[in-house]
N, C-alpha and C. Protein backbone atom coordinates (compact mmCIF):
# COMPACT_ATOMS: atom_id res chain seq x y z
N UNK A 1 81.60 119.52 90.49
CA UNK A 1 83.45 119.24 90.49
C UNK A 1 83.67 118.20 91.72
N UNK A 2 84.22 117.33 91.89
CA UNK A 2 84.69 117.01 93.41
C UNK A 2 86.23 117.41 93.91
N UNK A 3 86.49 117.54 95.29
CA UNK A 3 87.55 118.35 96.09
C UNK A 3 88.39 117.43 95.75
N UNK A 4 89.45 118.50 95.39
CA UNK A 4 90.82 117.91 95.13
C UNK A 4 91.41 118.50 96.06
N UNK A 5 92.38 117.37 96.83
CA UNK A 5 93.57 118.02 97.86
C UNK A 5 94.54 118.66 97.44
N UNK A 6 94.47 117.77 96.00
CA UNK A 6 96.38 118.13 95.43
C UNK A 6 96.16 119.74 94.74
N UNK A 7 95.10 119.89 93.88
CA UNK A 7 94.55 121.33 93.50
C UNK A 7 94.32 122.00 94.13
N UNK A 8 93.43 122.00 95.30
CA UNK A 8 93.16 123.02 96.36
C UNK A 8 94.27 123.50 97.33
N UNK A 9 95.49 122.33 98.02
CA UNK A 9 96.19 122.80 98.65
C UNK A 9 97.57 122.47 97.91
N UNK A 10 97.59 123.06 96.60
CA UNK A 10 99.40 123.03 95.76
C UNK A 10 100.21 123.02 96.58
N UNK A 11 100.39 123.96 97.36
CA UNK A 11 101.65 124.16 98.38
C UNK A 11 102.05 123.07 98.94
N UNK A 12 101.36 121.94 99.52
CA UNK A 12 101.67 120.59 100.06
C UNK A 12 101.45 119.27 99.09
N UNK A 13 101.20 119.60 98.33
CA UNK A 13 100.88 118.25 96.81
C UNK A 13 102.16 118.58 96.04
N UNK A 14 102.62 119.71 95.87
CA UNK A 14 103.01 120.40 94.57
C UNK A 14 104.38 121.34 94.94
N UNK A 15 104.83 121.28 95.81
CA UNK A 15 106.05 121.84 96.33
C UNK A 15 107.21 122.00 95.28
N UNK A 16 108.20 122.98 95.10
CA UNK A 16 109.17 123.04 93.78
C UNK A 16 110.18 122.19 94.21
N UNK A 17 110.91 121.94 93.15
CA UNK A 17 112.27 121.05 93.12
C UNK A 17 113.62 121.37 94.25
N UNK A 18 113.01 122.46 94.76
CA UNK A 18 114.40 122.92 95.92
C UNK A 18 113.47 123.33 97.42
N UNK A 19 114.38 123.01 98.09
CA UNK A 19 113.77 123.02 99.53
C UNK A 19 112.89 124.48 100.41
N UNK A 20 111.90 124.11 100.44
CA UNK A 20 111.40 125.16 101.32
C UNK A 20 110.59 124.92 102.52
N UNK A 21 110.30 125.73 103.73
CA UNK A 21 109.84 125.74 104.35
C UNK A 21 108.28 125.98 104.59
N UNK A 22 107.23 124.74 104.84
CA UNK A 22 105.85 124.82 104.87
C UNK A 22 105.16 124.39 106.36
N UNK A 23 104.26 125.03 106.92
CA UNK A 23 103.60 124.71 107.84
C UNK A 23 102.17 123.90 107.86
N UNK A 24 102.40 122.52 108.10
CA UNK A 24 101.29 121.68 107.66
C UNK A 24 100.29 121.92 108.51
N UNK A 25 98.78 122.30 108.28
CA UNK A 25 97.79 121.82 108.82
C UNK A 25 97.65 120.21 109.68
N UNK A 26 96.82 120.24 110.74
CA UNK A 26 96.15 118.88 111.17
C UNK A 26 95.46 117.88 110.14
N UNK A 27 95.54 116.76 110.09
CA UNK A 27 95.19 116.16 109.14
C UNK A 27 94.66 114.60 109.80
N UNK A 28 93.85 114.05 108.97
CA UNK A 28 93.05 112.82 109.40
C UNK A 28 93.67 111.90 107.99
N UNK A 29 93.79 110.76 108.70
CA UNK A 29 94.18 109.48 107.43
C UNK A 29 93.56 108.35 108.14
N UNK A 30 93.65 107.08 106.86
CA UNK A 30 93.46 106.04 107.38
C UNK A 30 94.84 105.29 107.33
N UNK A 31 95.37 104.75 108.22
CA UNK A 31 96.75 104.46 108.25
C UNK A 31 96.57 102.32 108.36
N UNK A 32 98.10 101.98 108.44
CA UNK A 32 98.20 100.71 108.33
C UNK A 32 99.83 101.33 109.05
N UNK A 33 100.39 100.70 110.11
CA UNK A 33 101.31 100.75 110.39
C UNK A 33 102.05 98.93 109.47
N UNK A 34 103.29 99.27 109.51
CA UNK A 34 104.23 97.19 109.10
C UNK A 34 105.36 97.69 109.34
N UNK A 35 105.97 96.77 109.11
CA UNK A 35 107.72 96.78 108.98
C UNK A 35 108.29 95.55 107.58
N UNK A 36 109.40 96.18 107.28
CA UNK A 36 109.84 95.39 106.32
C UNK A 36 110.07 95.50 104.80
N UNK A 37 110.60 95.38 103.93
CA UNK A 37 110.91 95.84 102.53
C UNK A 37 109.47 96.33 101.76
N UNK A 38 109.59 97.02 101.52
CA UNK A 38 108.00 97.61 100.89
C UNK A 38 108.25 96.90 99.51
N UNK A 39 108.96 96.48 98.79
CA UNK A 39 109.01 96.06 97.30
C UNK A 39 108.97 94.53 97.47
N UNK A 40 108.33 93.67 98.41
CA UNK A 40 108.42 92.16 98.63
C UNK A 40 107.23 92.02 98.24
N UNK A 41 107.28 91.01 97.22
CA UNK A 41 106.30 90.58 96.67
C UNK A 41 105.20 89.73 97.64
N UNK A 42 104.14 90.27 97.59
CA UNK A 42 103.24 89.29 98.68
C UNK A 42 103.42 89.71 99.91
N UNK A 43 104.28 90.69 100.19
CA UNK A 43 104.81 91.23 101.72
C UNK A 43 103.46 92.16 102.03
N UNK A 44 103.94 92.70 103.75
CA UNK A 44 103.29 92.93 104.23
C UNK A 44 102.54 94.72 103.88
N UNK A 45 103.66 95.25 103.06
CA UNK A 45 103.30 96.49 102.93
C UNK A 45 102.12 96.52 101.30
N UNK A 46 102.36 95.63 100.97
CA UNK A 46 101.39 95.29 99.55
C UNK A 46 100.11 94.85 100.05
N UNK A 47 100.24 94.34 101.36
CA UNK A 47 98.74 94.08 101.53
C UNK A 47 98.26 94.94 102.10
N UNK A 48 98.99 95.81 102.96
CA UNK A 48 98.65 97.17 103.89
C UNK A 48 97.70 98.09 102.73
N UNK A 49 98.60 98.23 101.54
CA UNK A 49 98.07 98.97 100.18
C UNK A 49 96.51 98.67 99.88
N UNK A 50 96.19 97.18 99.80
CA UNK A 50 94.82 96.98 99.67
C UNK A 50 93.79 97.30 101.01
N UNK A 51 94.25 97.37 101.83
CA UNK A 51 93.55 97.71 103.13
C UNK A 51 93.10 99.19 102.80
N UNK A 52 94.08 100.16 102.49
CA UNK A 52 93.94 101.30 102.66
C UNK A 52 92.99 101.98 101.71
N UNK A 53 93.28 101.32 100.41
CA UNK A 53 92.67 101.54 98.94
C UNK A 53 90.95 101.04 99.12
N UNK A 54 90.68 99.89 99.99
CA UNK A 54 89.43 99.59 100.01
C UNK A 54 88.80 100.63 101.10
N UNK A 55 89.40 100.69 102.32
CA UNK A 55 88.75 101.43 103.00
C UNK A 55 88.64 102.86 102.22
N UNK A 56 89.46 103.56 101.77
CA UNK A 56 89.70 105.22 101.03
C UNK A 56 88.03 104.75 100.38
N UNK A 57 87.97 104.11 99.25
CA UNK A 57 87.02 104.10 98.26
C UNK A 57 85.73 104.00 98.91
N UNK A 58 85.27 103.05 100.32
CA UNK A 58 84.45 102.69 100.50
C UNK A 58 83.90 104.40 101.34
N UNK A 59 84.68 104.87 101.79
CA UNK A 59 84.28 105.93 101.72
C UNK A 59 84.15 107.34 101.11
N UNK A 60 84.84 107.08 100.11
CA UNK A 60 84.48 108.39 98.79
C UNK A 60 83.24 107.65 98.47
N UNK A 61 82.79 106.87 98.11
CA UNK A 61 81.75 106.31 97.59
C UNK A 61 80.52 105.76 98.94
N UNK A 62 80.61 106.35 99.83
CA UNK A 62 79.26 105.86 100.58
C UNK A 62 78.18 106.51 100.28
N UNK A 63 78.16 107.67 99.65
CA UNK A 63 76.96 108.90 99.00
C UNK A 63 76.01 107.47 98.50
N UNK A 64 76.79 106.77 98.47
CA UNK A 64 75.41 106.23 96.94
C UNK A 64 74.84 104.79 98.10
N UNK A 65 75.19 104.72 98.94
CA UNK A 65 75.00 103.83 100.20
C UNK A 65 73.94 104.05 101.00
N UNK A 66 73.21 103.27 101.48
CA UNK A 66 72.36 103.96 102.77
C UNK A 66 73.22 104.56 104.21
N UNK A 67 74.05 104.52 104.02
CA UNK A 67 75.27 105.15 105.00
C UNK A 67 75.21 106.34 104.80
N UNK A 68 74.71 107.11 105.31
CA UNK A 68 74.99 108.98 104.80
C UNK A 68 75.75 109.49 106.33
N UNK A 69 76.98 110.33 105.92
CA UNK A 69 77.99 110.97 106.43
C UNK A 69 77.59 112.25 106.81
N UNK A 70 77.41 112.85 107.93
CA UNK A 70 76.98 114.15 107.74
C UNK A 70 78.18 115.10 107.57
N UNK A 71 77.89 116.32 106.42
CA UNK A 71 78.74 116.97 106.08
C UNK A 71 79.45 116.74 104.80
N UNK A 72 79.11 115.55 104.42
CA UNK A 72 79.95 114.84 103.17
C UNK A 72 80.03 115.52 102.05
N UNK A 73 80.96 115.06 101.31
CA UNK A 73 80.98 116.00 99.92
C UNK A 73 82.08 115.19 99.20
N UNK A 74 81.88 115.53 97.77
CA UNK A 74 82.60 114.65 96.96
C UNK A 74 83.85 114.78 96.76
N UNK A 75 84.92 113.98 96.68
CA UNK A 75 86.36 114.41 97.04
C UNK A 75 87.12 113.33 95.98
N UNK A 76 88.03 113.73 95.34
CA UNK A 76 88.65 112.62 94.78
C UNK A 76 90.02 112.12 96.08
N UNK A 77 90.17 110.95 96.23
CA UNK A 77 91.08 110.16 96.94
C UNK A 77 92.37 110.88 96.98
N UNK A 78 93.22 111.40 98.19
CA UNK A 78 94.45 111.85 97.87
C UNK A 78 95.51 111.06 97.29
N UNK A 79 96.64 111.31 97.21
CA UNK A 79 97.66 110.26 96.81
C UNK A 79 98.29 109.70 98.27
N UNK A 80 99.00 108.24 97.95
CA UNK A 80 99.25 107.60 98.90
C UNK A 80 100.58 108.21 99.38
N UNK A 81 100.52 108.22 101.02
CA UNK A 81 101.93 108.70 101.70
C UNK A 81 101.95 107.73 102.24
N UNK A 82 103.79 107.88 102.99
CA UNK A 82 104.47 106.94 104.00
C UNK A 82 105.03 107.73 105.07
N UNK A 83 105.39 107.37 106.04
CA UNK A 83 105.91 107.61 107.10
C UNK A 83 107.34 106.52 107.55
N UNK A 84 108.02 106.87 107.84
CA UNK A 84 109.24 106.00 107.56
C UNK A 84 110.39 106.20 108.70
N UNK A 85 110.94 105.01 109.47
CA UNK A 85 111.70 105.27 110.27
C UNK A 85 112.80 103.87 110.31
N UNK A 86 113.99 103.67 110.63
CA UNK A 86 114.92 102.72 110.48
C UNK A 86 115.95 102.79 112.04
N UNK A 87 115.26 102.10 113.06
CA UNK A 87 115.60 101.78 114.19
C UNK A 87 117.10 101.66 114.23
N UNK A 88 118.02 102.41 114.45
CA UNK A 88 119.52 102.07 114.92
C UNK A 88 120.40 103.00 113.96
N UNK A 89 119.66 103.69 112.93
CA UNK A 89 120.38 103.88 111.66
C UNK A 89 119.77 105.76 111.52
N UNK A 90 121.03 106.43 111.55
CA UNK A 90 121.15 107.83 111.27
C UNK A 90 120.65 107.76 109.98
N UNK A 91 119.37 108.40 109.34
CA UNK A 91 119.52 108.82 108.35
C UNK A 91 118.60 107.06 107.98
N UNK A 92 119.12 106.72 106.41
CA UNK A 92 118.26 105.57 105.97
C UNK A 92 119.20 104.53 105.48
N UNK A 93 119.63 103.34 105.33
CA UNK A 93 120.25 102.50 105.10
C UNK A 93 119.26 101.97 103.89
N UNK A 94 119.70 102.37 102.52
CA UNK A 94 118.82 102.16 101.41
C UNK A 94 119.33 100.48 101.12
N UNK A 95 120.54 99.98 101.71
CA UNK A 95 120.70 98.46 100.99
C UNK A 95 120.32 97.59 102.09
N UNK A 96 119.41 97.94 103.38
CA UNK A 96 118.75 97.30 104.01
C UNK A 96 117.07 97.63 104.69
N UNK A 97 116.55 97.68 103.74
CA UNK A 97 114.96 97.88 103.41
C UNK A 97 114.49 97.10 104.56
N UNK A 98 114.61 95.88 105.00
CA UNK A 98 114.20 94.76 106.04
C UNK A 98 113.83 95.07 107.35
N UNK A 99 114.75 96.20 107.59
CA UNK A 99 114.26 96.62 109.19
C UNK A 99 113.63 98.12 109.09
N UNK A 100 113.26 98.15 107.72
CA UNK A 100 112.07 99.91 107.82
C UNK A 100 110.73 99.37 109.13
N UNK A 101 110.83 100.62 109.34
CA UNK A 101 109.65 100.92 110.04
C UNK A 101 108.76 101.23 109.74
N UNK A 102 107.17 101.26 109.10
CA UNK A 102 106.40 102.10 108.33
C UNK A 102 104.70 102.22 108.55
N UNK A 103 104.37 103.70 108.52
CA UNK A 103 102.95 103.83 108.57
C UNK A 103 102.70 104.00 107.15
N UNK A 104 101.99 103.49 106.50
CA UNK A 104 101.43 103.83 105.05
C UNK A 104 99.74 104.33 105.54
N UNK A 105 99.69 105.51 104.53
CA UNK A 105 98.30 106.20 105.31
C UNK A 105 97.78 106.92 103.42
N UNK A 106 96.48 107.19 103.67
CA UNK A 106 95.94 108.03 102.68
C UNK A 106 95.24 108.80 103.43
N UNK A 107 95.11 110.38 102.96
CA UNK A 107 94.41 111.62 103.69
C UNK A 107 92.98 111.59 103.76
N UNK A 108 92.25 111.84 104.83
CA UNK A 108 90.82 111.87 104.43
C UNK A 108 90.08 112.80 104.54
N UNK A 109 89.27 113.44 104.37
CA UNK A 109 88.32 114.47 104.35
C UNK A 109 88.18 114.63 106.04
N UNK A 110 88.01 115.61 106.78
CA UNK A 110 87.91 116.34 107.83
C UNK A 110 86.36 115.83 108.37
N UNK A 111 85.32 115.82 107.27
CA UNK A 111 84.37 114.86 108.19
C UNK A 111 83.96 113.53 108.25
N UNK A 112 85.27 113.09 108.31
CA UNK A 112 85.00 111.10 108.30
C UNK A 112 85.31 111.31 109.99
N UNK A 113 84.30 110.64 111.09
CA UNK A 113 84.09 110.69 112.60
C UNK A 113 84.85 109.47 112.23
N UNK A 114 84.98 109.10 113.85
CA UNK A 114 85.29 107.60 114.25
C UNK A 114 84.37 106.99 114.07
N UNK A 115 83.02 106.74 113.74
CA UNK A 115 81.70 106.25 113.85
C UNK A 115 81.90 105.72 112.24
N UNK A 116 82.18 106.64 111.41
CA UNK A 116 81.82 106.62 110.01
C UNK A 116 83.51 105.38 109.42
N UNK A 117 84.43 105.71 110.01
CA UNK A 117 85.81 104.96 110.10
C UNK A 117 85.15 103.54 110.22
N UNK A 118 84.88 103.39 111.35
CA UNK A 118 84.56 102.16 111.75
C UNK A 118 83.26 101.63 111.12
N UNK A 119 82.79 101.60 110.15
CA UNK A 119 81.39 101.59 109.15
C UNK A 119 82.36 101.35 107.79
N UNK A 120 83.05 102.02 107.89
CA UNK A 120 83.98 101.88 106.14
C UNK A 120 84.53 100.63 106.63
N UNK A 121 85.20 100.28 107.57
CA UNK A 121 86.48 99.50 107.61
C UNK A 121 85.40 98.12 107.33
N UNK A 122 84.08 97.77 108.07
CA UNK A 122 83.49 96.74 107.81
C UNK A 122 82.65 96.52 106.92
N UNK A 123 82.10 97.34 106.11
CA UNK A 123 81.87 97.44 105.29
C UNK A 123 82.45 97.10 103.91
N UNK A 124 83.90 97.78 103.94
CA UNK A 124 85.13 96.69 103.02
C UNK A 124 85.65 95.79 103.13
N UNK A 125 85.48 95.17 104.43
CA UNK A 125 85.66 93.60 104.47
C UNK A 125 84.56 92.93 104.19
N UNK A 126 83.55 93.41 104.20
CA UNK A 126 82.80 92.68 103.61
C UNK A 126 82.14 92.50 101.60
N UNK A 127 82.67 93.83 101.28
CA UNK A 127 82.58 93.86 100.00
C UNK A 127 83.74 93.06 99.38
N UNK A 128 84.93 93.41 99.86
CA UNK A 128 86.05 93.17 99.37
C UNK A 128 86.59 91.51 99.90
N UNK A 129 85.86 91.07 100.75
CA UNK A 129 86.46 89.96 101.11
C UNK A 129 87.60 90.16 102.08
N UNK A 130 88.12 91.42 102.90
CA UNK A 130 89.52 91.23 103.42
C UNK A 130 89.76 91.82 104.57
N UNK A 131 90.59 91.22 105.23
CA UNK A 131 90.91 91.28 106.59
C UNK A 131 91.22 93.28 106.67
N UNK A 132 90.52 94.04 107.05
CA UNK A 132 90.78 95.24 107.39
C UNK A 132 91.13 95.73 108.59
N UNK A 133 91.10 95.00 109.43
CA UNK A 133 91.51 95.13 110.91
C UNK A 133 91.88 95.73 111.05
N UNK A 134 93.19 96.09 110.75
CA UNK A 134 94.52 96.63 110.92
C UNK A 134 94.47 97.99 110.81
N UNK A 135 93.57 98.60 109.78
CA UNK A 135 93.92 100.19 109.56
C UNK A 135 93.15 100.36 110.89
N UNK A 136 93.39 101.99 111.01
CA UNK A 136 92.98 102.88 111.96
C UNK A 136 92.87 104.46 111.13
N UNK A 137 92.59 104.87 112.41
CA UNK A 137 92.28 106.65 111.71
C UNK A 137 93.27 107.07 112.58
N UNK A 138 93.88 107.79 111.61
CA UNK A 138 95.00 108.65 112.43
C UNK A 138 95.27 110.22 112.36
N UNK A 139 95.01 110.84 113.72
CA UNK A 139 95.30 111.94 113.46
C UNK A 139 96.51 112.69 113.61
N UNK A 140 97.00 113.91 112.44
CA UNK A 140 98.50 113.78 112.96
C UNK A 140 98.73 115.62 112.53
N UNK A 141 99.40 115.88 113.27
CA UNK A 141 99.66 117.57 113.71
C UNK A 141 101.36 117.74 113.09
N UNK A 142 101.85 117.50 111.77
CA UNK A 142 103.16 117.58 111.42
C UNK A 142 103.65 119.23 111.79
N UNK A 143 102.92 120.30 111.45
CA UNK A 143 103.30 121.64 112.09
C UNK A 143 104.48 122.14 111.19
N UNK A 144 105.49 122.55 111.63
CA UNK A 144 106.45 123.14 110.81
C UNK A 144 107.72 122.26 110.09
N UNK A 145 107.35 122.02 108.54
CA UNK A 145 108.12 120.88 108.27
C UNK A 145 109.30 121.85 106.98
N UNK A 146 110.37 121.06 106.26
CA UNK A 146 111.12 121.57 105.27
C UNK A 146 110.70 120.14 104.08
N UNK A 147 110.07 120.62 102.90
CA UNK A 147 109.70 119.75 102.33
C UNK A 147 110.49 120.22 100.85
N UNK A 148 110.37 119.21 99.63
CA UNK A 148 110.65 119.52 98.43
C UNK A 148 110.02 118.52 97.29
N UNK A 149 109.99 118.57 96.27
CA UNK A 149 109.62 117.85 95.19
C UNK A 149 110.87 116.90 94.55
N UNK A 150 110.69 115.54 94.72
CA UNK A 150 111.65 114.46 94.36
C UNK A 150 111.66 113.77 92.81
N UNK A 151 112.28 113.73 92.25
CA UNK A 151 112.32 113.10 90.76
C UNK A 151 113.36 112.46 90.49
N UNK A 152 112.59 111.20 90.53
CA UNK A 152 113.63 109.96 90.44
C UNK A 152 113.27 108.92 91.50
N UNK A 153 114.29 108.07 91.30
CA UNK A 153 113.74 106.96 92.48
C UNK A 153 113.72 107.16 93.64
N UNK A 154 113.43 106.11 94.75
CA UNK A 154 113.24 106.37 96.13
C UNK A 154 114.60 106.32 96.36
N UNK A 155 115.70 105.42 95.88
CA UNK A 155 116.79 105.01 96.33
C UNK A 155 117.87 106.24 95.93
N UNK A 156 117.65 107.07 94.95
CA UNK A 156 118.03 108.24 95.12
C UNK A 156 117.88 109.62 95.90
N UNK A 157 117.39 109.20 96.89
CA UNK A 157 116.19 110.06 98.21
C UNK A 157 117.75 110.86 98.60
N UNK A 158 119.04 110.20 99.06
CA UNK A 158 120.03 110.96 99.77
C UNK A 158 120.33 112.44 99.50
N UNK A 159 120.81 112.57 98.34
CA UNK A 159 120.59 113.60 97.58
C UNK A 159 119.73 114.85 97.96
N UNK A 160 118.54 114.56 97.61
CA UNK A 160 117.65 115.95 97.96
C UNK A 160 117.54 115.74 100.04
N UNK A 161 117.43 114.89 100.24
CA UNK A 161 117.26 114.81 101.62
C UNK A 161 118.71 115.90 102.39
N UNK A 162 119.79 115.60 101.65
CA UNK A 162 120.72 115.83 102.19
C UNK A 162 120.41 118.00 101.89
N UNK A 163 120.22 117.96 100.73
CA UNK A 163 119.63 119.35 100.36
C UNK A 163 118.90 120.35 101.51
N UNK A 164 117.75 119.40 101.81
CA UNK A 164 117.20 120.04 102.65
C UNK A 164 117.88 120.07 104.04
N UNK A 165 118.66 119.40 104.47
CA UNK A 165 119.68 119.23 105.46
C UNK A 165 120.00 120.66 105.44
N UNK A 166 120.96 121.26 104.41
CA UNK A 166 121.40 122.13 104.41
C UNK A 166 120.79 123.37 104.22
N UNK A 167 119.86 123.56 103.43
CA UNK A 167 118.60 124.35 103.50
C UNK A 167 118.21 124.73 105.23
N UNK A 168 117.77 123.78 105.82
CA UNK A 168 117.05 123.82 107.44
C UNK A 168 118.26 124.68 108.26
N UNK A 169 119.39 123.98 108.01
CA UNK A 169 120.78 124.74 108.95
C UNK A 169 121.10 126.35 108.36
N UNK A 170 121.27 126.52 107.23
CA UNK A 170 121.38 127.80 106.89
C UNK A 170 120.16 128.93 107.52
N UNK A 171 118.57 128.18 107.58
CA UNK A 171 118.20 129.33 108.21
C UNK A 171 117.72 129.11 109.38
N UNK A 172 118.44 128.69 110.28
CA UNK A 172 118.15 128.41 111.81
C UNK A 172 117.48 127.17 112.42
N UNK A 173 117.16 126.42 111.49
CA UNK A 173 116.29 124.80 111.65
C UNK A 173 116.98 123.58 111.79
N UNK A 174 116.43 122.75 112.79
CA UNK A 174 117.24 121.45 112.65
C UNK A 174 115.94 120.48 112.73
N UNK A 175 116.23 118.94 112.14
CA UNK A 175 115.57 118.20 112.19
C UNK A 175 114.69 117.89 113.38
N UNK A 176 113.19 117.85 113.10
CA UNK A 176 112.56 117.08 114.72
C UNK A 176 112.17 115.86 114.28
N UNK A 177 112.59 114.73 114.15
CA UNK A 177 112.21 113.76 114.19
C UNK A 177 112.21 112.57 114.87
N UNK A 178 111.04 112.29 115.67
CA UNK A 178 111.09 111.27 116.86
C UNK A 178 109.42 111.29 116.75
N UNK A 179 109.40 109.91 117.76
CA UNK A 179 108.01 109.57 117.63
C UNK A 179 107.19 109.20 116.48
N UNK A 180 105.97 110.08 116.46
CA UNK A 180 105.74 110.17 114.99
C UNK A 180 105.71 111.22 113.92
N UNK A 181 106.86 111.92 114.14
CA UNK A 181 107.42 113.08 113.57
C UNK A 181 108.57 112.11 112.60
N UNK A 182 108.20 111.75 111.79
CA UNK A 182 109.21 110.80 110.89
C UNK A 182 109.41 111.35 109.27
N UNK A 183 110.04 110.92 108.77
CA UNK A 183 110.33 110.93 107.65
C UNK A 183 109.31 110.47 106.64
N UNK A 184 108.55 111.37 105.80
CA UNK A 184 107.54 111.42 104.95
C UNK A 184 107.66 111.76 103.56
N UNK A 185 107.13 110.85 103.03
CA UNK A 185 107.10 110.68 101.60
C UNK A 185 105.34 110.71 100.95
N UNK A 186 105.26 111.56 100.08
CA UNK A 186 104.49 111.67 99.09
C UNK A 186 103.98 111.35 97.67
N UNK A 187 103.44 110.00 97.33
CA UNK A 187 103.69 109.65 95.69
C UNK A 187 102.59 109.85 95.05
N UNK A 188 103.27 110.69 94.06
CA UNK A 188 102.46 111.34 93.27
C UNK A 188 102.45 110.23 91.78
N UNK A 189 103.47 109.54 91.73
CA UNK A 189 103.41 108.59 90.41
C UNK A 189 102.91 107.13 90.94
N UNK A 190 102.37 106.59 90.26
CA UNK A 190 102.40 105.25 90.09
C UNK A 190 103.73 104.00 89.67
N UNK A 191 104.05 103.85 90.57
CA UNK A 191 105.60 103.13 90.11
C UNK A 191 105.05 101.61 89.13
N UNK A 192 104.08 101.49 88.63
CA UNK A 192 103.78 100.33 88.26
C UNK A 192 103.50 100.94 86.83
N UNK A 193 103.35 102.12 85.96
CA UNK A 193 103.32 102.69 85.19
C UNK A 193 103.86 103.89 84.69
N UNK A 194 105.01 103.93 85.48
CA UNK A 194 106.13 104.99 85.27
C UNK A 194 107.19 104.67 85.54
N UNK A 195 108.67 105.07 84.73
CA UNK A 195 109.55 104.68 84.88
C UNK A 195 110.52 105.65 86.13
N UNK A 196 111.34 104.90 87.09
CA UNK A 196 112.00 104.88 87.79
C UNK A 196 112.32 106.48 87.77
N UNK A 197 112.80 106.98 86.83
CA UNK A 197 113.61 108.70 86.69
C UNK A 197 112.53 109.52 86.92
N UNK A 198 111.51 108.98 86.54
CA UNK A 198 110.07 109.83 86.43
C UNK A 198 109.20 109.98 87.48
N UNK A 199 109.96 109.43 88.66
CA UNK A 199 108.58 109.03 89.69
C UNK A 199 109.16 110.48 90.40
N UNK A 200 107.47 111.03 90.99
CA UNK A 200 107.31 112.06 91.74
C UNK A 200 107.31 111.98 92.92
N UNK A 201 107.82 112.31 94.05
CA UNK A 201 107.92 112.41 95.45
C UNK A 201 108.45 113.34 96.32
N UNK A 202 107.02 113.83 97.48
CA UNK A 202 106.81 114.98 98.06
C UNK A 202 107.93 113.92 99.20
N UNK A 203 109.30 115.09 99.73
CA UNK A 203 109.69 114.45 100.84
C UNK A 203 109.33 115.41 101.60
N UNK A 204 108.92 115.08 102.88
CA UNK A 204 108.92 115.94 103.93
C UNK A 204 109.42 115.46 105.23
N UNK A 205 110.05 116.75 105.63
CA UNK A 205 110.71 116.48 107.37
C UNK A 205 110.15 117.58 108.71
N UNK A 206 109.69 117.08 109.49
CA UNK A 206 109.45 117.75 110.69
C UNK A 206 110.32 118.52 110.94
N UNK A 207 110.82 120.03 111.40
CA UNK A 207 111.55 120.39 111.68
C UNK A 207 111.41 121.49 113.21
N UNK A 208 112.37 122.06 113.78
CA UNK A 208 112.18 123.18 114.46
C UNK A 208 113.33 123.98 114.89
N UNK A 209 112.78 125.11 115.33
CA UNK A 209 114.38 126.16 115.24
C UNK A 209 115.17 125.59 116.17
N UNK A 210 116.56 125.78 115.85
CA UNK A 210 117.84 125.30 117.30
C UNK A 210 117.67 125.96 118.13
């Protein structure tokens, strides 16, 4: 049975619909950075997703090739994630997505090394005829965070974010978003196959004691 992060680490991927505080362990990702509206057809974000999935599935299926990764085990590719910031704006201005800076990412098992990642990028480029040079191996340690499951469209996120802010304030914390500590989303629904009111998204913010 392939290892499934969503099932084995439910607290990280299936939190309640109310805010909670969680300590997130260090993780590795295949990541691509970009800027602009993620909804733009043929835009930078859409191209980034092609690269992420190409590299992710190349690593997942590596055991069927001549390239062998030490410590490899079969696994389910984890859900797409996004780290977002909007310079000069407190929170987010959902009416101006063109100014968004984002890192789109997919988690990788800990056995993936730098050399394995480089092999996967090269192999994905050859097989998919796709430029994957923007992909990089991201090591991230978010630590203490507040999170909750949001049901609905991305544009309706201000309401759950406000609940998260109130919750951490009541519990002696404050947001700690700077540098690579950003507004974090984990996408549990495929927006191409699900209506917006049923989209399931984990919203996670890094926090610190006041």
